[in-house]
């Protein structure tokens, strides 16, 4: 298949390029996922650290231009991937207004300035640019459909949320809140109780344990958020409970997702019992390949991003309501 879409990737650290090697089958980075998708042509890469750019070019035998960030932002692309530090996201999105691509994939979160984030998203939308935000679990096969069904009320009334995480309320915790925002669409959130927070390695972002009351369609829904000390254990998991279903997403020997459905009335006065109906396990890790395949589908006109800038802002707004 001949490449159809021009891609620019800025940010070659961690998830940009460093988590992968060219040799194995796993796909853990944007660079490897882009190179694996035949509909994309990688036209330029950039990083503020020129030595990192040179190392990536050598390791991956890149034949595209290796640019400094200012020059990179002056080029035209169909898709721009922003995998740089959080503080740079909004300025880079603002720079794209001069030469808006059709699609942007930005690492999470968009940034701390909500007003600026909304303004730049509105500007890019008016220019015809779609912005996706890489809360990567949203691209687990099937999960987007489950979240849409939950939000539409197809699983019945929401009953409760149980979640656990480590390494920062706004850092890793934001992945949980993006799922809650998509599935429950809460209009308000209130902290009922908080345990002592843990500082487990993320600067100015403690890991918090909270009992939260969500307001969903005018009803109160309890949300237990357990923060685990990331120096002792890496943790991530969420269970979204509804009258007729449960959505489970967790990290356990890779990223897993499961949809439990009601089996029918149990009898003897008992309500529905749930049993697993669909399961997915990302092993070996190739979830970012699914993300980039979806982005190509979006450019083809046959898909939509599983996690948009609007959803990322809804998750951030929800977390802001719970700020200490």
C-alpha atoms as a PDB file:
ATOM      1  CA  UNK A   1       0.000   0.000   0.000  1.00  0.00           C
ATOM      2  CA  UNK A   2       1.373   3.397  -0.950  1.00  0.00           C
ATOM      3  CA  UNK A   3       1.698   5.892   1.897  1.00  0.00           C
ATOM      4  CA  UNK A   4      -1.018   8.530   1.732  1.00  0.00           C
ATOM      5  CA  UNK A   5      -0.475  10.795   4.718  1.00  0.00           C
ATOM      6  CA  UNK A   6       2.483  12.936   5.755  1.00  0.00           C
ATOM      7  CA  UNK A   7       3.430  12.680   9.450  1.00  0.00           C
ATOM      8  CA  UNK A   8       5.568  14.882  11.668  1.00  0.00           C
ATOM      9  CA  UNK A   9       6.665  13.562  15.090  1.00  0.00           C
ATOM     10  CA  UNK A  10       8.058  15.923  17.716  1.00  0.00           C
ATOM     11  CA  UNK A  11       9.429  14.487  20.960  1.00  0.00           C
ATOM     12  CA  UNK A  12      11.733  11.447  20.845  1.00  0.00           C
ATOM     13  CA  UNK A  13      11.975  10.561  24.536  1.00  0.00           C
ATOM     14  CA  UNK A  14      10.010   7.842  26.383  1.00  0.00           C
ATOM     15  CA  UNK A  15       6.801   7.176  24.499  1.00  0.00           C
ATOM     16  CA  UNK A  16       8.084   9.100  21.476  1.00  0.00           C
ATOM     17  CA  UNK A  17      10.881   6.614  20.685  1.00  0.00           C
ATOM     18  CA  UNK A  18      12.897   5.443  23.711  1.00  0.00           C
ATOM     19  CA  UNK A  19      10.580   2.708  25.033  1.00  0.00           C
ATOM     20  CA  UNK A  20      11.053   0.627  21.872  1.00  0.00           C
ATOM     21  CA  UNK A  21      13.745  -1.109  19.888  1.00  0.00           C
ATOM     22  CA  UNK A  22      13.527  -1.908  16.168  1.00  0.00           C
ATOM     23  CA  UNK A  23      14.103  -5.641  16.719  1.00  0.00           C
ATOM     24  CA  UNK A  24      11.110  -7.051  18.629  1.00  0.00           C
ATOM     25  CA  UNK A  25       7.410  -7.363  17.768  1.00  0.00           C
ATOM     26  CA  UNK A  26       6.128  -5.081  20.533  1.00  0.00           C
ATOM     27  CA  UNK A  27       5.014  -1.542  19.669  1.00  0.00           C
ATOM     28  CA  UNK A  28       5.367   0.797  22.637  1.00  0.00           C
ATOM     29  CA  UNK A  29       6.184   4.142  20.994  1.00  0.00           C
ATOM     30  CA  UNK A  30       4.753   6.583  18.483  1.00  0.00           C
ATOM     31  CA  UNK A  31       7.793   6.290  16.241  1.00  0.00           C
ATOM     32  CA  UNK A  32       7.526   2.516  15.860  1.00  0.00           C
ATOM     33  CA  UNK A  33       3.728   2.646  15.479  1.00  0.00           C
ATOM     34  CA  UNK A  34       4.003   5.266  12.736  1.00  0.00           C
ATOM     35  CA  UNK A  35       6.665   3.296  10.872  1.00  0.00           C
ATOM     36  CA  UNK A  36       4.495   0.158  11.100  1.00  0.00           C
ATOM     37  CA  UNK A  37       1.392   1.775   9.556  1.00  0.00           C
ATOM     38  CA  UNK A  38       1.700   1.629   5.739  1.00  0.00           C
ATOM     39  CA  UNK A  39      -0.670   4.543   5.169  1.00  0.00           C
ATOM     40  CA  UNK A  40       1.788   6.952   6.834  1.00  0.00           C
ATOM     41  CA  UNK A  41       5.003   8.503   5.582  1.00  0.00           C
ATOM     42  CA  UNK A  42       7.224   9.896   8.358  1.00  0.00           C
ATOM     43  CA  UNK A  43       8.331  13.218   6.855  1.00  0.00           C
ATOM     44  CA  UNK A  44      10.142  14.861   9.783  1.00  0.00           C
ATOM     45  CA  UNK A  45      11.091  14.308  13.417  1.00  0.00           C
ATOM     46  CA  UNK A  46      12.290  16.787  16.023  1.00  0.00           C
ATOM     47  CA  UNK A  47      13.384  17.030  19.621  1.00  0.00           C
ATOM     48  CA  UNK A  48      14.744  19.894  21.726  1.00  0.00           C
ATOM     49  CA  UNK A  49      17.719  17.630  22.540  1.00  0.00           C
ATOM     50  CA  UNK A  50      19.689  17.320  19.314  1.00  0.00           C
ATOM     51  CA  UNK A  51      21.713  14.387  20.649  1.00  0.00           C
ATOM     52  CA  UNK A  52      18.479  12.484  21.260  1.00  0.00           C
ATOM     53  CA  UNK A  53      17.379  13.219  17.688  1.00  0.00           C
ATOM     54  CA  UNK A  54      20.676  11.943  16.330  1.00  0.00           C
ATOM     55  CA  UNK A  55      20.497   8.781  18.455  1.00  0.00           C
ATOM     56  CA  UNK A  56      16.944   8.024  17.285  1.00  0.00           C
ATOM     57  CA  UNK A  57      17.864   8.635  13.643  1.00  0.00           C
ATOM     58  CA  UNK A  58      20.770   6.220  13.917  1.00  0.00           C
ATOM     59  CA  UNK A  59      18.908   3.512  15.880  1.00  0.00           C
ATOM     60  CA  UNK A  60      15.908   3.540  13.568  1.00  0.00           C
ATOM     61  CA  UNK A  61      17.804   4.314  10.339  1.00  0.00           C
ATOM     62  CA  UNK A  62      15.463   7.214   9.615  1.00  0.00           C
ATOM     63  CA  UNK A  63      15.676   8.753   6.154  1.00  0.00           C
ATOM     64  CA  UNK A  64      13.452  11.762   6.915  1.00  0.00           C
ATOM     65  CA  UNK A  65      14.725  15.228   7.929  1.00  0.00           C
ATOM     66  CA  UNK A  66      15.846  15.602  11.575  1.00  0.00           C
ATOM     67  CA  UNK A  67      14.796  19.155  12.459  1.00  0.00           C
ATOM     68  CA  UNK A  68      15.031  21.621  15.320  1.00  0.00           C
ATOM     69  CA  UNK A  69      11.573  22.314  16.836  1.00  0.00           C
ATOM     70  CA  UNK A  70      11.119  25.810  15.308  1.00  0.00           C
ATOM     71  CA  UNK A  71      11.844  24.525  11.802  1.00  0.00           C
ATOM     72  CA  UNK A  72       9.664  21.467  12.405  1.00  0.00           C
ATOM     73  CA  UNK A  73       6.665  23.663  13.236  1.00  0.00           C
ATOM     74  CA  UNK A  74       7.026  25.514   9.913  1.00  0.00           C
ATOM     75  CA  UNK A  75       6.394  22.397   7.812  1.00  0.00           C
ATOM     76  CA  UNK A  76       3.003  21.154   6.599  1.00  0.00           C
ATOM     77  CA  UNK A  77       1.727  17.711   7.644  1.00  0.00           C
ATOM     78  CA  UNK A  78      -1.465  15.690   7.475  1.00  0.00           C
ATOM     79  CA  UNK A  79      -0.820  14.441  11.019  1.00  0.00           C
ATOM     80  CA  UNK A  80       1.329  15.902  13.790  1.00  0.00           C
ATOM     81  CA  UNK A  81       2.206  13.835  16.858  1.00  0.00           C
ATOM     82  CA  UNK A  82       3.212  15.865  19.940  1.00  0.00           C
ATOM     83  CA  UNK A  83       5.129  13.663  22.386  1.00  0.00           C
ATOM     84  CA  UNK A  84       6.932  16.441  24.273  1.00  0.00           C
ATOM     85  CA  UNK A  85       6.722  17.523  27.969  1.00  0.00           C
ATOM     86  CA  UNK A  86       3.291  18.690  29.161  1.00  0.00           C
ATOM     87  CA  UNK A  87       4.270  22.354  29.508  1.00  0.00           C
ATOM     88  CA  UNK A  88       4.967  22.526  25.756  1.00  0.00           C
ATOM     89  CA  UNK A  89       1.662  21.047  24.539  1.00  0.00           C
ATOM     90  CA  UNK A  90      -0.462  24.195  24.382  1.00  0.00           C
ATOM     91  CA  UNK A  91       2.275  26.380  22.814  1.00  0.00           C
ATOM     92  CA  UNK A  92       2.842  23.732  20.156  1.00  0.00           C
ATOM     93  CA  UNK A  93      -0.876  23.414  19.443  1.00  0.00           C
ATOM     94  CA  UNK A  94      -1.009  27.203  19.135  1.00  0.00           C
ATOM     95  CA  UNK A  95       1.872  27.112  16.645  1.00  0.00           C
ATOM     96  CA  UNK A  96      -0.080  24.676  14.478  1.00  0.00           C
ATOM     97  CA  UNK A  97      -2.774  27.311  13.902  1.00  0.00           C
ATOM     98  CA  UNK A  98      -0.479  28.873  11.276  1.00  0.00           C
ATOM     99  CA  UNK A  99      -0.321  25.624   9.276  1.00  0.00           C
ATOM    100  CA  UNK A 100      -3.144  23.447  10.618  1.00  0.00           C
ATOM    101  CA  UNK A 101      -2.816  19.730   9.872  1.00  0.00           C
ATOM    102  CA  UNK A 102      -5.889  17.568   9.411  1.00  0.00           C
ATOM    103  CA  UNK A 103      -5.208  15.642  12.619  1.00  0.00           C
ATOM    104  CA  UNK A 104      -3.130  16.012  15.798  1.00  0.00           C
ATOM    105  CA  UNK A 105      -2.247  13.326  18.318  1.00  0.00           C
ATOM    106  CA  UNK A 106      -1.104  14.948  21.566  1.00  0.00           C
ATOM    107  CA  UNK A 107       0.257  13.148  24.594  1.00  0.00           C
ATOM    108  CA  UNK A 108      -1.775  13.548  27.760  1.00  0.00           C
ATOM    109  CA  UNK A 109      -2.548  15.872  29.425  1.00  0.00           C
ATOM    110  CA  UNK A 110      -3.247  18.838  27.151  1.00  0.00           C
ATOM    111  CA  UNK A 111      -1.910  21.274  29.756  1.00  0.00           C
ATOM    112  CA  UNK A 112      -2.762  22.996  33.008  1.00  0.00           C
ATOM    113  CA  UNK A 113      -4.193  26.208  31.500  1.00  0.00           C
ATOM    114  CA  UNK A 114      -7.778  25.172  30.722  1.00  0.00           C
ATOM    115  CA  UNK A 115      -8.718  28.530  29.147  1.00  0.00           C
ATOM    116  CA  UNK A 116      -5.774  28.388  26.744  1.00  0.00           C
ATOM    117  CA  UNK A 117      -6.488  24.734  25.973  1.00  0.00           C
ATOM    118  CA  UNK A 118     -10.119  25.464  25.103  1.00  0.00           C
ATOM    119  CA  UNK A 119      -9.143  28.451  23.004  1.00  0.00           C
ATOM    120  CA  UNK A 120      -6.598  26.552  20.929  1.00  0.00           C
ATOM    121  CA  UNK A 121      -8.912  23.554  20.508  1.00  0.00           C
ATOM    122  CA  UNK A 122     -11.641  25.884  19.252  1.00  0.00           C
ATOM    123  CA  UNK A 123      -9.189  27.528  16.853  1.00  0.00           C
ATOM    124  CA  UNK A 124      -7.981  24.212  15.470  1.00  0.00           C
ATOM    125  CA  UNK A 125     -11.539  22.945  15.138  1.00  0.00           C
ATOM    126  CA  UNK A 126     -12.499  26.018  13.098  1.00  0.00           C
ATOM    127  CA  UNK A 127      -9.465  25.330  10.891  1.00  0.00           C
ATOM    128  CA  UNK A 128     -10.712  21.781  10.291  1.00  0.00           C
ATOM    129  CA  UNK A 129      -8.179  20.053  12.551  1.00  0.00           C
ATOM    130  CA  UNK A 130      -9.230  17.134  14.766  1.00  0.00           C
ATOM    131  CA  UNK A 131      -7.279  16.783  18.027  1.00  0.00           C
ATOM    132  CA  UNK A 132      -6.878  13.383  19.689  1.00  0.00           C
ATOM    133  CA  UNK A 133      -5.274  12.966  23.113  1.00  0.00           C
ATOM    134  CA  UNK A 134      -3.361   9.798  23.913  1.00  0.00           C
ATOM    135  CA  UNK A 135      -5.193   8.362  26.886  1.00  0.00           C
ATOM    136  CA  UNK A 136      -4.119   5.124  25.272  1.00  0.00           C
ATOM    137  CA  UNK A 137      -6.475   2.686  27.011  1.00  0.00           C
ATOM    138  CA  UNK A 138      -9.427   4.242  25.159  1.00  0.00           C
ATOM    139  CA  UNK A 139      -8.127   2.470  22.039  1.00  0.00           C
ATOM    140  CA  UNK A 140      -8.401  -1.018  23.541  1.00  0.00           C
ATOM    141  CA  UNK A 141     -10.437  -2.982  20.966  1.00  0.00           C
ATOM    142  CA  UNK A 142     -14.126  -2.718  21.851  1.00  0.00           C
ATOM    143  CA  UNK A 143     -13.690  -0.380  24.790  1.00  0.00           C
ATOM    144  CA  UNK A 144     -14.772   2.763  22.945  1.00  0.00           C
ATOM    145  CA  UNK A 145     -18.055   1.069  22.007  1.00  0.00           C
ATOM    146  CA  UNK A 146     -18.595  -0.019  25.621  1.00  0.00           C
ATOM    147  CA  UNK A 147     -17.982   3.502  26.923  1.00  0.00           C
ATOM    148  CA  UNK A 148     -20.393   4.956  24.354  1.00  0.00           C
ATOM    149  CA  UNK A 149     -23.034   2.393  25.292  1.00  0.00           C
ATOM    150  CA  UNK A 150     -22.575   3.189  28.984  1.00  0.00           C
ATOM    151  CA  UNK A 151     -22.864   6.916  28.346  1.00  0.00           C
ATOM    152  CA  UNK A 152     -26.049   6.347  26.339  1.00  0.00           C
ATOM    153  CA  UNK A 153     -27.618   4.411  29.215  1.00  0.00           C
ATOM    154  CA  UNK A 154     -27.572   1.036  27.461  1.00  0.00           C
ATOM    155  CA  UNK A 155     -26.143  -0.692  30.559  1.00  0.00           C
ATOM    156  CA  UNK A 156     -28.672   0.789  32.964  1.00  0.00           C
ATOM    157  CA  UNK A 157     -28.088   3.203  35.818  1.00  0.00           C
ATOM    158  CA  UNK A 158     -24.492   3.615  37.060  1.00  0.00           C
ATOM    159  CA  UNK A 159     -24.040   2.079  40.514  1.00  0.00           C
ATOM    160  CA  UNK A 160     -20.427   2.670  41.589  1.00  0.00           C
ATOM    161  CA  UNK A 161     -16.806   3.103  40.528  1.00  0.00           C
ATOM    162  CA  UNK A 162     -13.813   1.352  42.122  1.00  0.00           C
ATOM    163  CA  UNK A 163     -10.304   2.334  41.045  1.00  0.00           C
ATOM    164  CA  UNK A 164      -6.663   2.036  42.078  1.00  0.00           C
ATOM    165  CA  UNK A 165      -3.552   3.741  40.749  1.00  0.00           C
ATOM    166  CA  UNK A 166      -0.051   4.934  41.658  1.00  0.00           C
ATOM    167  CA  UNK A 167       2.377   7.711  40.688  1.00  0.00           C
ATOM    168  CA  UNK A 168       0.374  10.920  40.860  1.00  0.00           C
ATOM    169  CA  UNK A 169      -3.259  12.046  40.951  1.00  0.00           C
ATOM    170  CA  UNK A 170      -2.960  14.141  37.783  1.00  0.00           C
ATOM    171  CA  UNK A 171      -0.291  11.979  36.157  1.00  0.00           C
ATOM    172  CA  UNK A 172      -1.503   8.366  36.185  1.00  0.00           C
ATOM    173  CA  UNK A 173      -4.807   9.172  37.889  1.00  0.00           C
ATOM    174  CA  UNK A 174      -5.893  11.174  34.846  1.00  0.00           C
ATOM    175  CA  UNK A 175      -6.207   7.915  32.862  1.00  0.00           C
ATOM    176  CA  UNK A 176      -8.923   6.823  35.298  1.00  0.00           C
ATOM    177  CA  UNK A 177     -10.795  10.106  35.071  1.00  0.00           C
ATOM    178  CA  UNK A 178     -10.855  10.032  31.267  1.00  0.00           C
ATOM    179  CA  UNK A 179     -12.655   6.672  31.455  1.00  0.00           C
ATOM    180  CA  UNK A 180     -15.070   7.954  34.114  1.00  0.00           C
ATOM    181  CA  UNK A 181     -15.821  11.076  32.058  1.00  0.00           C
ATOM    182  CA  UNK A 182     -16.550   8.998  28.951  1.00  0.00           C
ATOM    183  CA  UNK A 183     -18.723   6.341  30.590  1.00  0.00           C
ATOM    184  CA  UNK A 184     -20.598   8.276  33.283  1.00  0.00           C
ATOM    185  CA  UNK A 185     -20.514  11.869  32.001  1.00  0.00           C
ATOM    186  CA  UNK A 186     -20.719  13.280  35.545  1.00  0.00           C
ATOM    187  CA  UNK A 187     -21.879  16.864  35.994  1.00  0.00           C
ATOM    188  CA  UNK A 188     -20.311  17.286  39.437  1.00  0.00           C
ATOM    189  CA  UNK A 189     -17.951  15.603  41.884  1.00  0.00           C
ATOM    190  CA  UNK A 190     -17.421  16.062  45.625  1.00  0.00           C
ATOM    191  CA  UNK A 191     -14.758  14.669  47.959  1.00  0.00           C
ATOM    192  CA  UNK A 192     -16.471  13.037  50.944  1.00  0.00           C
ATOM    193  CA  UNK A 193     -13.331  11.668  52.592  1.00  0.00           C
ATOM    194  CA  UNK A 194      -9.570  11.681  51.957  1.00  0.00           C
ATOM    195  CA  UNK A 195      -6.727   9.664  53.445  1.00  0.00           C
ATOM    196  CA  UNK A 196      -3.254  11.141  53.825  1.00  0.00           C
ATOM    197  CA  UNK A 197      -1.740  11.544  50.322  1.00  0.00           C
ATOM    198  CA  UNK A 198       1.475   9.821  49.307  1.00  0.00           C
ATOM    199  CA  UNK A 199       4.370  11.516  47.514  1.00  0.00           C
ATOM    200  CA  UNK A 200       5.662   8.647  45.388  1.00  0.00           C
ATOM    201  CA  UNK A 201       7.888  10.331  42.868  1.00  0.00           C
ATOM    202  CA  UNK A 202       5.886  12.788  40.755  1.00  0.00           C
ATOM    203  CA  UNK A 203       6.839  16.392  41.593  1.00  0.00           C
ATOM    204  CA  UNK A 204       3.938  18.503  42.920  1.00  0.00           C
ATOM    205  CA  UNK A 205       1.486  15.668  42.266  1.00  0.00           C
ATOM    206  CA  UNK A 206       0.731  13.477  45.275  1.00  0.00           C
ATOM    207  CA  UNK A 207      -1.079  10.161  44.961  1.00  0.00           C
ATOM    208  CA  UNK A 208      -4.438  10.676  46.681  1.00  0.00           C
ATOM    209  CA  UNK A 209      -6.966   8.223  48.131  1.00  0.00           C
ATOM    210  CA  UNK A 210     -10.508   9.585  48.008  1.00  0.00           C
ATOM    211  CA  UNK A 211     -14.120   8.683  48.546  1.00  0.00           C
ATOM    212  CA  UNK A 212     -15.921  10.726  45.891  1.00  0.00           C
ATOM    213  CA  UNK A 213     -19.571  11.375  45.205  1.00  0.00           C
ATOM    214  CA  UNK A 214     -20.250  11.791  41.490  1.00  0.00           C
ATOM    215  CA  UNK A 215     -23.427  13.379  40.187  1.00  0.00           C
ATOM    216  CA  UNK A 216     -24.617  11.500  37.098  1.00  0.00           C
ATOM    217  CA  UNK A 217     -27.994  12.360  35.520  1.00  0.00           C
ATOM    218  CA  UNK A 218     -29.023  13.930  38.817  1.00  0.00           C
ATOM    219  CA  UNK A 219     -28.195  10.838  40.909  1.00  0.00           C
ATOM    220  CA  UNK A 220     -25.329  10.265  43.354  1.00  0.00           C
ATOM    221  CA  UNK A 221     -22.774   7.589  42.385  1.00  0.00           C
ATOM    222  CA  UNK A 222     -19.998   6.563  44.847  1.00  0.00           C
ATOM    223  CA  UNK A 223     -16.429   6.458  43.530  1.00  0.00           C
ATOM    224  CA  UNK A 224     -13.707   4.834  45.648  1.00  0.00           C
ATOM    225  CA  UNK A 225     -10.254   5.948  44.452  1.00  0.00           C
ATOM    226  CA  UNK A 226      -7.362   4.112  46.120  1.00  0.00           C
ATOM    227  CA  UNK A 227      -3.876   5.566  45.730  1.00  0.00           C
ATOM    228  CA  UNK A 228      -1.033   3.037  46.029  1.00  0.00           C
ATOM    229  CA  UNK A 229       2.520   4.100  46.919  1.00  0.00           C
ATOM    230  CA  UNK A 230       4.281   3.724  43.572  1.00  0.00           C
ATOM    231  CA  UNK A 231       7.614   3.141  45.307  1.00  0.00           C
ATOM    232  CA  UNK A 232       6.212  -0.167  46.569  1.00  0.00           C
ATOM    233  CA  UNK A 233       3.898  -1.266  43.757  1.00  0.00           C
ATOM    234  CA  UNK A 234       2.833  -0.065  40.327  1.00  0.00           C
ATOM    235  CA  UNK A 235      -0.952  -0.152  40.167  1.00  0.00           C
ATOM    236  CA  UNK A 236      -3.733   0.693  37.728  1.00  0.00           C
ATOM    237  CA  UNK A 237      -7.272  -0.619  37.544  1.00  0.00           C
ATOM    238  CA  UNK A 238     -10.867   0.567  37.328  1.00  0.00           C
ATOM    239  CA  UNK A 239     -14.266  -1.116  37.592  1.00  0.00           C
ATOM    240  CA  UNK A 240     -17.286   0.816  36.321  1.00  0.00           C
ATOM    241  CA  UNK A 241     -20.460  -0.824  37.659  1.00  0.00           C
ATOM    242  CA  UNK A 242     -23.905  -0.449  36.079  1.00  0.00           C
ATOM    243  CA  UNK A 243     -27.218  -2.195  36.671  1.00  0.00           C
ATOM    244  CA  UNK A 244     -26.730  -4.552  33.721  1.00  0.00           C
ATOM    245  CA  UNK A 245     -22.994  -4.525  33.048  1.00  0.00           C
ATOM    246  CA  UNK A 246     -19.511  -3.794  34.336  1.00  0.00           C
ATOM    247  CA  UNK A 247     -16.502  -2.405  32.459  1.00  0.00           C
ATOM    248  CA  UNK A 248     -13.128  -3.449  33.864  1.00  0.00           C
ATOM    249  CA  UNK A 249      -9.766  -2.038  32.712  1.00  0.00           C
ATOM    250  CA  UNK A 250      -6.560  -2.991  34.489  1.00  0.00           C
ATOM    251  CA  UNK A 251      -2.832  -3.463  34.136  1.00  0.00           C
ATOM    252  CA  UNK A 252      -2.082  -7.110  34.899  1.00  0.00           C
ATOM    253  CA  UNK A 253       0.653  -8.717  32.822  1.00  0.00           C
ATOM    254  CA  UNK A 254      -0.180  -6.146  30.151  1.00  0.00           C
ATOM    255  CA  UNK A 255      -3.231  -3.958  29.683  1.00  0.00           C
ATOM    256  CA  UNK A 256      -6.526  -5.832  29.938  1.00  0.00           C
ATOM    257  CA  UNK A 257     -10.174  -4.902  29.378  1.00  0.00           C
ATOM    258  CA  UNK A 258     -13.340  -6.860  30.088  1.00  0.00           C
ATOM    259  CA  UNK A 259     -17.058  -6.331  29.628  1.00  0.00           C
ATOM    260  CA  UNK A 260     -19.291  -8.223  32.052  1.00  0.00           C
ATOM    261  CA  UNK A 261     -22.986  -8.548  31.195  1.00  0.00           C
ATOM    262  CA  UNK A 262     -26.040  -9.565  33.173  1.00  0.00           C
ATOM    263  CA  UNK A 263     -27.028 -13.227  32.951  1.00  0.00           C
ATOM    264  CA  UNK A 264     -30.687 -12.644  33.808  1.00  0.00           C
ATOM    265  CA  UNK A 265     -32.424 -12.721  37.159  1.00  0.00           C
ATOM    266  CA  UNK A 266     -30.600 -15.059  39.538  1.00  0.00           C
ATOM    267  CA  UNK A 267     -33.803 -16.109  41.279  1.00  0.00           C
ATOM    268  CA  UNK A 268     -34.878 -16.399  44.911  1.00  0.00           C
ATOM    269  CA  UNK A 269     -35.127 -12.620  45.176  1.00  0.00           C
ATOM    270  CA  UNK A 270     -31.603 -11.913  43.967  1.00  0.00           C
ATOM    271  CA  UNK A 271     -30.854  -9.319  41.280  1.00  0.00           C
ATOM    272  CA  UNK A 272     -28.773  -9.857  38.131  1.00  0.00           C
ATOM    273  CA  UNK A 273     -25.415 -11.594  38.321  1.00  0.00           C
ATOM    274  CA  UNK A 274     -22.691 -10.430  35.933  1.00  0.00           C
ATOM    275  CA  UNK A 275     -20.404 -12.690  33.923  1.00  0.00           C
ATOM    276  CA  UNK A 276     -17.567 -11.927  31.525  1.00  0.00           C
ATOM    277  CA  UNK A 277     -18.776 -11.627  27.933  1.00  0.00           C
ATOM    278  CA  UNK A 278     -15.808 -10.031  26.116  1.00  0.00           C
ATOM    279  CA  UNK A 279     -12.141  -9.838  27.133  1.00  0.00           C
ATOM    280  CA  UNK A 280      -9.036  -8.273  25.602  1.00  0.00           C
ATOM    281  CA  UNK A 281      -5.360  -8.596  26.613  1.00  0.00           C
ATOM    282  CA  UNK A 282      -2.659  -6.474  24.986  1.00  0.00           C
ATOM    283  CA  UNK A 283       0.074  -9.109  24.851  1.00  0.00           C
ATOM    284  CA  UNK A 284       2.514  -8.692  23.236  1.00  0.00           C
ATOM    285  CA  UNK A 285       2.116  -4.910  23.608  1.00  0.00           C
ATOM    286  CA  UNK A 286       0.788  -3.480  20.339  1.00  0.00           C
ATOM    287  CA  UNK A 287      -1.876  -1.061  21.543  1.00  0.00           C
ATOM    288  CA  UNK A 288      -0.121   1.972  20.050  1.00  0.00           C
ATOM    289  CA  UNK A 289      -0.314   0.254  16.664  1.00  0.00           C
ATOM    290  CA  UNK A 290      -4.108   0.223  17.150  1.00  0.00           C
ATOM    291  CA  UNK A 291      -3.999   3.943  17.971  1.00  0.00           C
ATOM    292  CA  UNK A 292      -2.105   4.758  14.783  1.00  0.00           C
ATOM    293  CA  UNK A 293      -4.279   2.506  12.647  1.00  0.00           C
ATOM    294  CA  UNK A 294      -7.308   4.378  14.004  1.00  0.00           C
ATOM    295  CA  UNK A 295      -5.658   7.705  13.127  1.00  0.00           C
ATOM    296  CA  UNK A 296      -5.161   6.501   9.550  1.00  0.00           C
ATOM    297  CA  UNK A 297      -8.824   5.449   9.471  1.00  0.00           C
ATOM    298  CA  UNK A 298      -9.778   8.947  10.642  1.00  0.00           C
ATOM    299  CA  UNK A 299      -7.833  10.497   7.779  1.00  0.00           C
ATOM    300  CA  UNK A 300      -9.459   8.012   5.406  1.00  0.00           C
ATOM    301  CA  UNK A 301     -12.828   9.243   6.629  1.00  0.00           C
ATOM    302  CA  UNK A 302     -13.841   5.877   8.086  1.00  0.00           C
ATOM    303  CA  UNK A 303     -13.191   6.425  11.782  1.00  0.00           C
ATOM    304  CA  UNK A 304     -13.052   8.880  14.671  1.00  0.00           C
ATOM    305  CA  UNK A 305     -10.520   9.217  17.508  1.00  0.00           C
ATOM    306  CA  UNK A 306     -11.347   7.145  20.578  1.00  0.00           C
ATOM    307  CA  UNK A 307     -10.229  10.006  22.848  1.00  0.00           C
ATOM    308  CA  UNK A 308     -10.637  13.621  21.727  1.00  0.00           C
ATOM    309  CA  UNK A 309      -9.412  16.919  23.112  1.00  0.00           C
ATOM    310  CA  UNK A 310     -12.942  17.617  24.361  1.00  0.00           C
ATOM    311  CA  UNK A 311     -12.962  14.392  26.393  1.00  0.00           C
ATOM    312  CA  UNK A 312      -9.502  15.159  27.795  1.00  0.00           C
ATOM    313  CA  UNK A 313     -10.777  18.555  28.959  1.00  0.00           C
ATOM    314  CA  UNK A 314     -13.854  16.944  30.535  1.00  0.00           C
ATOM    315  CA  UNK A 315     -11.553  14.646  32.520  1.00  0.00           C
ATOM    316  CA  UNK A 316      -9.378  17.593  33.566  1.00  0.00           C
ATOM    317  CA  UNK A 317     -12.435  19.588  34.657  1.00  0.00           C
ATOM    318  CA  UNK A 318     -13.574  16.642  36.766  1.00  0.00           C
ATOM    319  CA  UNK A 319     -10.183  16.438  38.470  1.00  0.00           C
ATOM    320  CA  UNK A 320     -10.167  20.200  39.063  1.00  0.00           C
ATOM    321  CA  UNK A 321     -13.386  19.846  41.083  1.00  0.00           C
ATOM    322  CA  UNK A 322     -11.538  17.441  43.375  1.00  0.00           C
ATOM    323  CA  UNK A 323      -8.408  19.568  43.773  1.00  0.00           C
ATOM    324  CA  UNK A 324      -7.145  19.805  47.344  1.00  0.00           C
END
